Amino acid sequence: MPQFDPASFVSQLFWFGVIFTLLYFAVVRPTLPKVGKVIDAREAQVGSDLDRAEAAKGAADTLRADHETAMKAARDAAQAAVAQARETAAKASDTQLKALGARLEADAEAAAASLELALGSARAGLETTVAELTSEAIAKLVGIEITPADVSAAIAAR
């Protein structure tokens, strides 16, 4: 093999250096700045994206804070409305309970008066019945005729 011949090593190294230099200047030199520009553009794009992401994060944090503030205000308003509704319901309930208590008290007084009237009527009827039964019993047991009016007068005298 001729490439492994020690006598041709020097010429091979020379041509290797010449071709390497030509390839370097023909390929690497023109493309290296383009690659550098692409890398710089990519770094700038990544930096820009990071800056935009940071700005978006700040905006999202601001929106979240605003949302939390609005939610807290809405919760407070809802709690105030519930408290007001409870207070209104309690007042309405107290008013209805007072009206119901007054109506029940009036009904109780009317029932007591009706009961008193019925009791008086029952006592009057009882006295009449007792007087009649007593006069009949005396008539049957003793044989004396006494009127129910006489029995009533005797009971009243006692």
N, C-alpha and C. Protein backbone atom coordinates (compact mmCIF):
# COMPACT_ATOMS: atom_id res chain seq x y z
N MET A 1 0.82 -1.16 0.00
CA MET A 1 0.00 0.00 0.00
C MET A 1 0.88 1.24 0.00
N PRO A 2 0.53 2.13 -0.91
CA PRO A 2 1.41 3.28 -1.06
C PRO A 2 1.25 4.30 0.05
N GLN A 3 0.10 4.41 0.70
CA GLN A 3 -0.07 5.43 1.74
C GLN A 3 0.71 5.11 3.00
N PHE A 4 1.11 3.84 3.13
CA PHE A 4 1.89 3.47 4.31
C PHE A 4 3.40 3.43 4.02
N ASP A 5 3.76 3.91 2.88
CA ASP A 5 5.19 3.94 2.51
C ASP A 5 5.84 5.10 3.24
N PRO A 6 6.86 4.86 4.07
CA PRO A 6 7.49 5.92 4.83
C PRO A 6 8.15 6.98 3.96
N ALA A 7 8.47 6.72 2.76
CA ALA A 7 9.13 7.70 1.92
C ALA A 7 8.13 8.76 1.47
N SER A 8 6.82 8.44 1.44
CA SER A 8 5.85 9.42 0.96
C SER A 8 5.09 10.11 2.10
N PHE A 9 5.53 9.93 3.33
CA PHE A 9 4.83 10.54 4.47
C PHE A 9 4.88 12.05 4.43
N VAL A 10 5.99 12.62 4.06
CA VAL A 10 6.16 14.06 4.07
C VAL A 10 5.23 14.69 3.03
N SER A 11 5.20 14.13 1.84
CA SER A 11 4.34 14.70 0.81
C SER A 11 2.86 14.51 1.20
N GLN A 12 2.57 13.40 1.84
CA GLN A 12 1.18 13.18 2.27
C GLN A 12 0.78 14.19 3.34
N LEU A 13 1.67 14.46 4.27
CA LEU A 13 1.38 15.44 5.32
C LEU A 13 1.23 16.83 4.71
N PHE A 14 2.05 17.16 3.70
CA PHE A 14 1.94 18.46 3.06
C PHE A 14 0.57 18.61 2.41
N TRP A 15 0.18 17.64 1.58
CA TRP A 15 -1.10 17.72 0.90
C TRP A 15 -2.26 17.67 1.91
N PHE A 16 -2.09 16.95 2.97
CA PHE A 16 -3.13 16.94 4.03
C PHE A 16 -3.31 18.34 4.59
N GLY A 17 -2.23 19.02 4.87
CA GLY A 17 -2.28 20.38 5.39
C GLY A 17 -2.89 21.33 4.39
N VAL A 18 -2.54 21.21 3.11
CA VAL A 18 -3.08 22.09 2.08
C VAL A 18 -4.59 21.87 1.93
N ILE A 19 -4.99 20.65 1.84
CA ILE A 19 -6.42 20.34 1.65
C ILE A 19 -7.21 20.73 2.90
N PHE A 20 -6.64 20.47 4.08
CA PHE A 20 -7.33 20.85 5.31
C PHE A 20 -7.52 22.34 5.38
N THR A 21 -6.50 23.10 5.02
CA THR A 21 -6.58 24.56 5.04
C THR A 21 -7.60 25.05 4.03
N LEU A 22 -7.59 24.48 2.83
CA LEU A 22 -8.57 24.87 1.82
C LEU A 22 -10.00 24.55 2.28
N LEU A 23 -10.20 23.37 2.80
CA LEU A 23 -11.53 22.99 3.29
C LEU A 23 -11.96 23.89 4.46
N TYR A 24 -10.99 24.19 5.31
CA TYR A 24 -11.32 25.05 6.47
C TYR A 24 -11.80 26.40 5.99
N PHE A 25 -11.05 27.00 5.07
CA PHE A 25 -11.42 28.32 4.58
C PHE A 25 -12.63 28.26 3.65
N ALA A 26 -12.82 27.16 2.95
CA ALA A 26 -13.93 27.04 2.01
C ALA A 26 -15.23 26.68 2.70
N VAL A 27 -15.16 25.89 3.77
CA VAL A 27 -16.40 25.40 4.41
C VAL A 27 -16.63 26.06 5.76
N VAL A 28 -15.67 26.00 6.61
CA VAL A 28 -15.86 26.42 8.00
C VAL A 28 -15.95 27.93 8.10
N ARG A 29 -15.06 28.66 7.46
CA ARG A 29 -15.07 30.12 7.58
C ARG A 29 -16.38 30.74 7.11
N PRO A 30 -16.93 30.35 5.96
CA PRO A 30 -18.20 30.97 5.56
C PRO A 30 -19.39 30.50 6.41
N THR A 31 -19.35 29.28 6.86
CA THR A 31 -20.51 28.78 7.62
C THR A 31 -20.43 29.10 9.10
N LEU A 32 -19.28 29.26 9.66
CA LEU A 32 -19.14 29.54 11.09
C LEU A 32 -19.86 30.82 11.50
N PRO A 33 -19.73 31.93 10.79
CA PRO A 33 -20.48 33.13 11.18
C PRO A 33 -21.99 32.93 11.07
N LYS A 34 -22.40 32.16 10.04
CA LYS A 34 -23.84 31.90 9.91
C LYS A 34 -24.35 31.08 11.09
N VAL A 35 -23.58 30.09 11.48
CA VAL A 35 -23.96 29.28 12.65
C VAL A 35 -23.96 30.15 13.89
N GLY A 36 -22.98 31.02 14.01
CA GLY A 36 -22.92 31.93 15.15
C GLY A 36 -24.12 32.85 15.18
N LYS A 37 -24.53 33.34 13.99
CA LYS A 37 -25.71 34.21 13.94
C LYS A 37 -26.97 33.43 14.34
N VAL A 38 -27.05 32.19 13.89
CA VAL A 38 -28.21 31.36 14.25
C VAL A 38 -28.23 31.12 15.75
N ILE A 39 -27.08 30.83 16.32
CA ILE A 39 -26.99 30.61 17.76
C ILE A 39 -27.35 31.89 18.51
N ASP A 40 -26.82 33.04 18.04
CA ASP A 40 -27.15 34.31 18.68
C ASP A 40 -28.64 34.62 18.56
N ALA A 41 -29.19 34.36 17.36
CA ALA A 41 -30.64 34.60 17.17
C ALA A 41 -31.45 33.68 18.08
N ARG A 42 -31.01 32.44 18.20
CA ARG A 42 -31.73 31.49 19.07
C ARG A 42 -31.64 31.93 20.53
N GLU A 43 -30.48 32.39 20.95
CA GLU A 43 -30.33 32.89 22.32
C GLU A 43 -31.21 34.11 22.54
N ALA A 44 -31.24 34.99 21.53
CA ALA A 44 -32.10 36.17 21.65
C ALA A 44 -33.58 35.77 21.72
N GLN A 45 -33.96 34.80 20.90
CA GLN A 45 -35.35 34.31 20.91
C GLN A 45 -35.69 33.68 22.26
N VAL A 46 -34.79 32.86 22.79
CA VAL A 46 -35.02 32.23 24.10
C VAL A 46 -35.11 33.30 25.17
N GLY A 47 -34.21 34.29 25.12
CA GLY A 47 -34.25 35.38 26.09
C GLY A 47 -35.56 36.15 25.99
N SER A 48 -35.97 36.43 24.75
CA SER A 48 -37.24 37.14 24.53
C SER A 48 -38.41 36.32 25.05
N ASP A 49 -38.37 35.01 24.76
CA ASP A 49 -39.45 34.13 25.26
C ASP A 49 -39.48 34.10 26.79
N LEU A 50 -38.31 34.06 27.39
CA LEU A 50 -38.24 34.07 28.86
C LEU A 50 -38.78 35.38 29.42
N ASP A 51 -38.42 36.50 28.75
CA ASP A 51 -38.92 37.80 29.20
C ASP A 51 -40.44 37.88 29.07
N ARG A 52 -40.96 37.39 27.92
CA ARG A 52 -42.41 37.39 27.73
C ARG A 52 -43.10 36.46 28.74
N ALA A 53 -42.47 35.31 29.01
CA ALA A 53 -43.04 34.38 30.00
C ALA A 53 -43.05 35.03 31.38
N GLU A 54 -41.98 35.75 31.69
CA GLU A 54 -41.91 36.44 32.98
C GLU A 54 -43.00 37.51 33.07
N ALA A 55 -43.18 38.26 31.97
CA ALA A 55 -44.22 39.29 31.93
C ALA A 55 -45.60 38.65 32.03
N ALA A 56 -45.81 37.53 31.34
CA ALA A 56 -47.09 36.83 31.41
C ALA A 56 -47.34 36.30 32.82
N LYS A 57 -46.28 35.82 33.47
CA LYS A 57 -46.41 35.34 34.85
C LYS A 57 -46.80 36.49 35.77
N GLY A 58 -46.16 37.64 35.56
CA GLY A 58 -46.52 38.82 36.36
C GLY A 58 -47.97 39.22 36.13
N ALA A 59 -48.41 39.21 34.87
CA ALA A 59 -49.80 39.55 34.56
C ALA A 59 -50.75 38.52 35.17
N ALA A 60 -50.36 37.24 35.10
CA ALA A 60 -51.21 36.19 35.69
C ALA A 60 -51.28 36.35 37.20
N ASP A 61 -50.15 36.70 37.82
CA ASP A 61 -50.16 36.93 39.27
C ASP A 61 -51.06 38.11 39.63
N THR A 62 -50.99 39.16 38.81
CA THR A 62 -51.85 40.32 39.04
C THR A 62 -53.31 39.94 38.88
N LEU A 63 -53.62 39.18 37.82
CA LEU A 63 -55.00 38.73 37.61
C LEU A 63 -55.47 37.83 38.76
N ARG A 64 -54.58 36.94 39.22
CA ARG A 64 -54.95 36.06 40.33
C ARG A 64 -55.22 36.88 41.59
N ALA A 65 -54.38 37.86 41.86
CA ALA A 65 -54.58 38.71 43.02
C ALA A 65 -55.89 39.48 42.91
N ASP A 66 -56.17 40.02 41.70
CA ASP A 66 -57.44 40.73 41.48
C ASP A 66 -58.62 39.79 41.67
N HIS A 67 -58.47 38.58 41.14
CA HIS A 67 -59.54 37.58 41.27
C HIS A 67 -59.79 37.23 42.74
N GLU A 68 -58.71 37.02 43.48
CA GLU A 68 -58.85 36.72 44.91
C GLU A 68 -59.50 37.88 45.66
N THR A 69 -59.11 39.10 45.31
CA THR A 69 -59.71 40.27 45.94
C THR A 69 -61.20 40.34 45.62
N ALA A 70 -61.53 40.11 44.35
CA ALA A 70 -62.95 40.14 43.95
C ALA A 70 -63.73 39.02 44.64
N MET A 71 -63.14 37.85 44.74
CA MET A 71 -63.81 36.71 45.40
C MET A 71 -64.02 37.02 46.89
N LYS A 72 -63.02 37.63 47.52
CA LYS A 72 -63.16 37.98 48.94
C LYS A 72 -64.27 39.01 49.12
N ALA A 73 -64.30 39.99 48.22
CA ALA A 73 -65.35 41.01 48.30
C ALA A 73 -66.72 40.38 48.07
N ALA A 74 -66.80 39.46 47.12
CA ALA A 74 -68.08 38.78 46.86
C ALA A 74 -68.50 37.92 48.05
N ARG A 75 -67.53 37.22 48.66
CA ARG A 75 -67.84 36.42 49.85
C ARG A 75 -68.33 37.31 50.98
N ASP A 76 -67.64 38.43 51.19
CA ASP A 76 -68.06 39.34 52.25
C ASP A 76 -69.46 39.89 51.99
N ALA A 77 -69.73 40.24 50.73
CA ALA A 77 -71.06 40.74 50.39
C ALA A 77 -72.11 39.67 50.58
N ALA A 78 -71.79 38.45 50.21
CA ALA A 78 -72.75 37.35 50.38
C ALA A 78 -73.00 37.08 51.86
N GLN A 79 -71.94 37.12 52.67
CA GLN A 79 -72.12 36.91 54.10
C GLN A 79 -72.96 38.03 54.71
N ALA A 80 -72.74 39.25 54.26
CA ALA A 80 -73.53 40.37 54.76
C ALA A 80 -74.99 40.20 54.35
N ALA A 81 -75.22 39.76 53.11
CA ALA A 81 -76.60 39.55 52.64
C ALA A 81 -77.27 38.43 53.44
N VAL A 82 -76.52 37.37 53.73
CA VAL A 82 -77.08 36.26 54.52
C VAL A 82 -77.39 36.74 55.93
N ALA A 83 -76.49 37.51 56.51
CA ALA A 83 -76.73 38.03 57.86
C ALA A 83 -77.97 38.93 57.87
N GLN A 84 -78.09 39.78 56.85
CA GLN A 84 -79.26 40.66 56.75
C GLN A 84 -80.53 39.84 56.59
N ALA A 85 -80.48 38.80 55.75
CA ALA A 85 -81.65 37.95 55.55
C ALA A 85 -82.02 37.22 56.84
N ARG A 86 -81.01 36.76 57.58
CA ARG A 86 -81.29 36.09 58.87
C ARG A 86 -81.94 37.07 59.83
N GLU A 87 -81.40 38.28 59.87
CA GLU A 87 -81.96 39.28 60.78
C GLU A 87 -83.40 39.61 60.41
N THR A 88 -83.65 39.78 59.11
CA THR A 88 -85.01 40.06 58.64
C THR A 88 -85.94 38.90 58.96
N ALA A 89 -85.45 37.67 58.73
CA ALA A 89 -86.27 36.48 59.02
C ALA A 89 -86.54 36.37 60.52
N ALA A 90 -85.55 36.69 61.34
CA ALA A 90 -85.73 36.63 62.79
C ALA A 90 -86.77 37.66 63.24
N LYS A 91 -86.70 38.87 62.67
CA LYS A 91 -87.68 39.89 63.02
C LYS A 91 -89.08 39.46 62.58
N ALA A 92 -89.18 38.92 61.37
CA ALA A 92 -90.49 38.47 60.88
C ALA A 92 -91.01 37.32 61.73
N SER A 93 -90.12 36.44 62.12
CA SER A 93 -90.51 35.31 62.96
C SER A 93 -90.98 35.81 64.33
N ASP A 94 -90.25 36.77 64.91
CA ASP A 94 -90.67 37.33 66.20
C ASP A 94 -92.04 37.99 66.09
N THR A 95 -92.24 38.74 65.01
CA THR A 95 -93.53 39.39 64.80
C THR A 95 -94.64 38.36 64.68
N GLN A 96 -94.40 37.32 63.90
CA GLN A 96 -95.42 36.28 63.74
C GLN A 96 -95.67 35.55 65.05
N LEU A 97 -94.58 35.28 65.82
CA LEU A 97 -94.76 34.61 67.11
C LEU A 97 -95.56 35.47 68.08
N LYS A 98 -95.29 36.77 68.08
CA LYS A 98 -96.05 37.67 68.96
C LYS A 98 -97.52 37.70 68.56
N ALA A 99 -97.78 37.77 67.23
CA ALA A 99 -99.16 37.78 66.76
C ALA A 99 -99.84 36.46 67.10
N LEU A 100 -99.13 35.36 66.91
CA LEU A 100 -99.70 34.05 67.24
C LEU A 100 -99.94 33.93 68.73
N GLY A 101 -99.00 34.43 69.55
CA GLY A 101 -99.18 34.41 71.01
C GLY A 101 -100.39 35.22 71.43
N ALA A 102 -100.54 36.40 70.82
CA ALA A 102 -101.71 37.24 71.15
C ALA A 102 -103.00 36.54 70.73
N ARG A 103 -103.00 35.93 69.56
CA ARG A 103 -104.20 35.23 69.09
C ARG A 103 -104.51 34.03 69.99
N LEU A 104 -103.46 33.30 70.36
CA LEU A 104 -103.68 32.14 71.24
C LEU A 104 -104.16 32.58 72.62
N GLU A 105 -103.64 33.70 73.10
CA GLU A 105 -104.08 34.22 74.40
C GLU A 105 -105.55 34.64 74.33
N ALA A 106 -105.92 35.29 73.22
CA ALA A 106 -107.32 35.69 73.04
C ALA A 106 -108.21 34.45 72.95
N ASP A 107 -107.74 33.44 72.21
CA ASP A 107 -108.50 32.19 72.11
C ASP A 107 -108.63 31.52 73.47
N ALA A 108 -107.54 31.56 74.26
CA ALA A 108 -107.57 30.94 75.59
C ALA A 108 -108.55 31.69 76.49
N GLU A 109 -108.55 33.03 76.40
CA GLU A 109 -109.49 33.80 77.22
C GLU A 109 -110.92 33.52 76.79
N ALA A 110 -111.14 33.41 75.47
CA ALA A 110 -112.49 33.10 74.99
C ALA A 110 -112.91 31.71 75.44
N ALA A 111 -111.97 30.76 75.39
CA ALA A 111 -112.28 29.40 75.83
C ALA A 111 -112.55 29.37 77.34
N ALA A 112 -111.78 30.15 78.10
CA ALA A 112 -112.00 30.20 79.55
C ALA A 112 -113.37 30.80 79.86
N ALA A 113 -113.73 31.85 79.13
CA ALA A 113 -115.05 32.46 79.34
C ALA A 113 -116.15 31.49 78.95
N SER A 114 -115.95 30.79 77.84
CA SER A 114 -116.94 29.79 77.40
C SER A 114 -117.05 28.67 78.41
N LEU A 115 -115.90 28.25 78.96
CA LEU A 115 -115.89 27.19 79.97
C LEU A 115 -116.58 27.66 81.24
N GLU A 116 -116.33 28.90 81.63
CA GLU A 116 -116.99 29.46 82.82
C GLU A 116 -118.50 29.52 82.62
N LEU A 117 -118.92 29.92 81.42
CA LEU A 117 -120.34 29.97 81.10
C LEU A 117 -120.94 28.57 81.13
N ALA A 118 -120.22 27.61 80.54
CA ALA A 118 -120.71 26.22 80.54
C ALA A 118 -120.75 25.67 81.94
N LEU A 119 -119.76 26.02 82.77
CA LEU A 119 -119.73 25.56 84.16
C LEU A 119 -120.91 26.15 84.94
N GLY A 120 -121.15 27.43 84.73
CA GLY A 120 -122.31 28.07 85.41
C GLY A 120 -123.61 27.43 84.96
N SER A 121 -123.73 27.18 83.67
CA SER A 121 -124.94 26.54 83.16
C SER A 121 -125.07 25.13 83.73
N ALA A 122 -123.95 24.41 83.80
CA ALA A 122 -124.00 23.05 84.34
C ALA A 122 -124.37 23.08 85.81
N ARG A 123 -123.86 24.04 86.57
CA ARG A 123 -124.20 24.14 88.00
C ARG A 123 -125.68 24.45 88.18
N ALA A 124 -126.17 25.35 87.34
CA ALA A 124 -127.59 25.69 87.43
C ALA A 124 -128.45 24.46 87.11
N GLY A 125 -128.05 23.77 86.06
CA GLY A 125 -128.78 22.55 85.70
C GLY A 125 -128.64 21.49 86.76
N LEU A 126 -127.48 21.42 87.39
CA LEU A 126 -127.24 20.44 88.45
C LEU A 126 -128.09 20.75 89.67
N GLU A 127 -128.16 22.02 90.02
CA GLU A 127 -128.99 22.39 91.18
C GLU A 127 -130.45 22.02 90.93
N THR A 128 -130.90 22.30 89.72
CA THR A 128 -132.28 21.96 89.39
C THR A 128 -132.49 20.45 89.44
N THR A 129 -131.56 19.73 88.87
CA THR A 129 -131.67 18.28 88.86
C THR A 129 -131.59 17.72 90.27
N VAL A 130 -130.68 18.23 91.10
CA VAL A 130 -130.55 17.78 92.50
C VAL A 130 -131.81 18.08 93.27
N ALA A 131 -132.36 19.26 93.05
CA ALA A 131 -133.59 19.63 93.76
C ALA A 131 -134.73 18.70 93.36
N GLU A 132 -134.87 18.41 92.09
CA GLU A 132 -135.95 17.52 91.62
C GLU A 132 -135.75 16.11 92.15
N LEU A 133 -134.49 15.60 92.05
CA LEU A 133 -134.22 14.24 92.52
C LEU A 133 -134.41 14.13 94.04
N THR A 134 -134.00 15.16 94.75
CA THR A 134 -134.15 15.14 96.20
C THR A 134 -135.63 15.15 96.58
N SER A 135 -136.44 15.97 95.91
CA SER A 135 -137.88 16.00 96.22
C SER A 135 -138.53 14.67 95.89
N GLU A 136 -138.12 14.02 94.80
CA GLU A 136 -138.68 12.72 94.46
C GLU A 136 -138.24 11.67 95.46
N ALA A 137 -136.96 11.72 95.88
CA ALA A 137 -136.46 10.74 96.83
C ALA A 137 -137.16 10.88 98.18
N ILE A 138 -137.36 12.10 98.61
CA ILE A 138 -138.06 12.33 99.89
C ILE A 138 -139.49 11.84 99.78
N ALA A 139 -140.08 12.09 98.64
CA ALA A 139 -141.48 11.66 98.46
C ALA A 139 -141.56 10.14 98.49
N LYS A 140 -140.64 9.45 97.93
CA LYS A 140 -140.68 7.99 97.90
C LYS A 140 -140.23 7.39 99.23
N LEU A 141 -139.25 7.98 99.88
CA LEU A 141 -138.73 7.41 101.10
C LEU A 141 -139.58 7.78 102.33
N VAL A 142 -139.91 8.99 102.44
CA VAL A 142 -140.63 9.46 103.63
C VAL A 142 -142.12 9.58 103.35
N GLY A 143 -142.46 9.88 102.13
CA GLY A 143 -143.85 10.05 101.75
C GLY A 143 -144.33 11.47 101.88
N ILE A 144 -143.43 12.41 102.05
CA ILE A 144 -143.81 13.82 102.15
C ILE A 144 -143.57 14.45 100.79
N GLU A 145 -144.52 15.24 100.38
CA GLU A 145 -144.39 15.94 99.11
C GLU A 145 -143.72 17.28 99.36
N ILE A 146 -142.51 17.44 98.80
CA ILE A 146 -141.77 18.71 98.90
C ILE A 146 -141.49 19.15 97.47
N THR A 147 -141.67 20.41 97.23
CA THR A 147 -141.43 20.93 95.88
C THR A 147 -139.93 21.14 95.66
N PRO A 148 -139.47 21.08 94.44
CA PRO A 148 -138.06 21.33 94.16
C PRO A 148 -137.63 22.73 94.57
N ALA A 149 -138.53 23.70 94.56
CA ALA A 149 -138.19 25.05 94.99
C ALA A 149 -137.87 25.06 96.48
N ASP A 150 -138.61 24.26 97.29
CA ASP A 150 -138.33 24.19 98.73
C ASP A 150 -136.97 23.55 98.98
N VAL A 151 -136.63 22.53 98.19
CA VAL A 151 -135.32 21.87 98.35
C VAL A 151 -134.22 22.84 97.98
N SER A 152 -134.40 23.61 96.92
CA SER A 152 -133.40 24.59 96.50
C SER A 152 -133.22 25.66 97.56
N ALA A 153 -134.30 26.10 98.18
CA ALA A 153 -134.20 27.12 99.23
C ALA A 153 -133.49 26.56 100.44
N ALA A 154 -133.73 25.28 100.78
CA ALA A 154 -133.07 24.66 101.92
C ALA A 154 -131.57 24.51 101.66
N ILE A 155 -131.21 24.16 100.44
CA ILE A 155 -129.78 24.00 100.09
C ILE A 155 -129.10 25.36 100.10
N ALA A 156 -129.77 26.39 99.63
CA ALA A 156 -129.21 27.73 99.59
C ALA A 156 -129.02 28.27 100.99
N ALA A 157 -129.88 27.86 101.94
CA ALA A 157 -129.80 28.34 103.31
C ALA A 157 -128.61 27.75 104.04
N ARG A 158 -128.19 26.65 103.61
CA ARG A 158 -127.05 25.99 104.26
C ARG A 158 -125.82 26.65 103.87
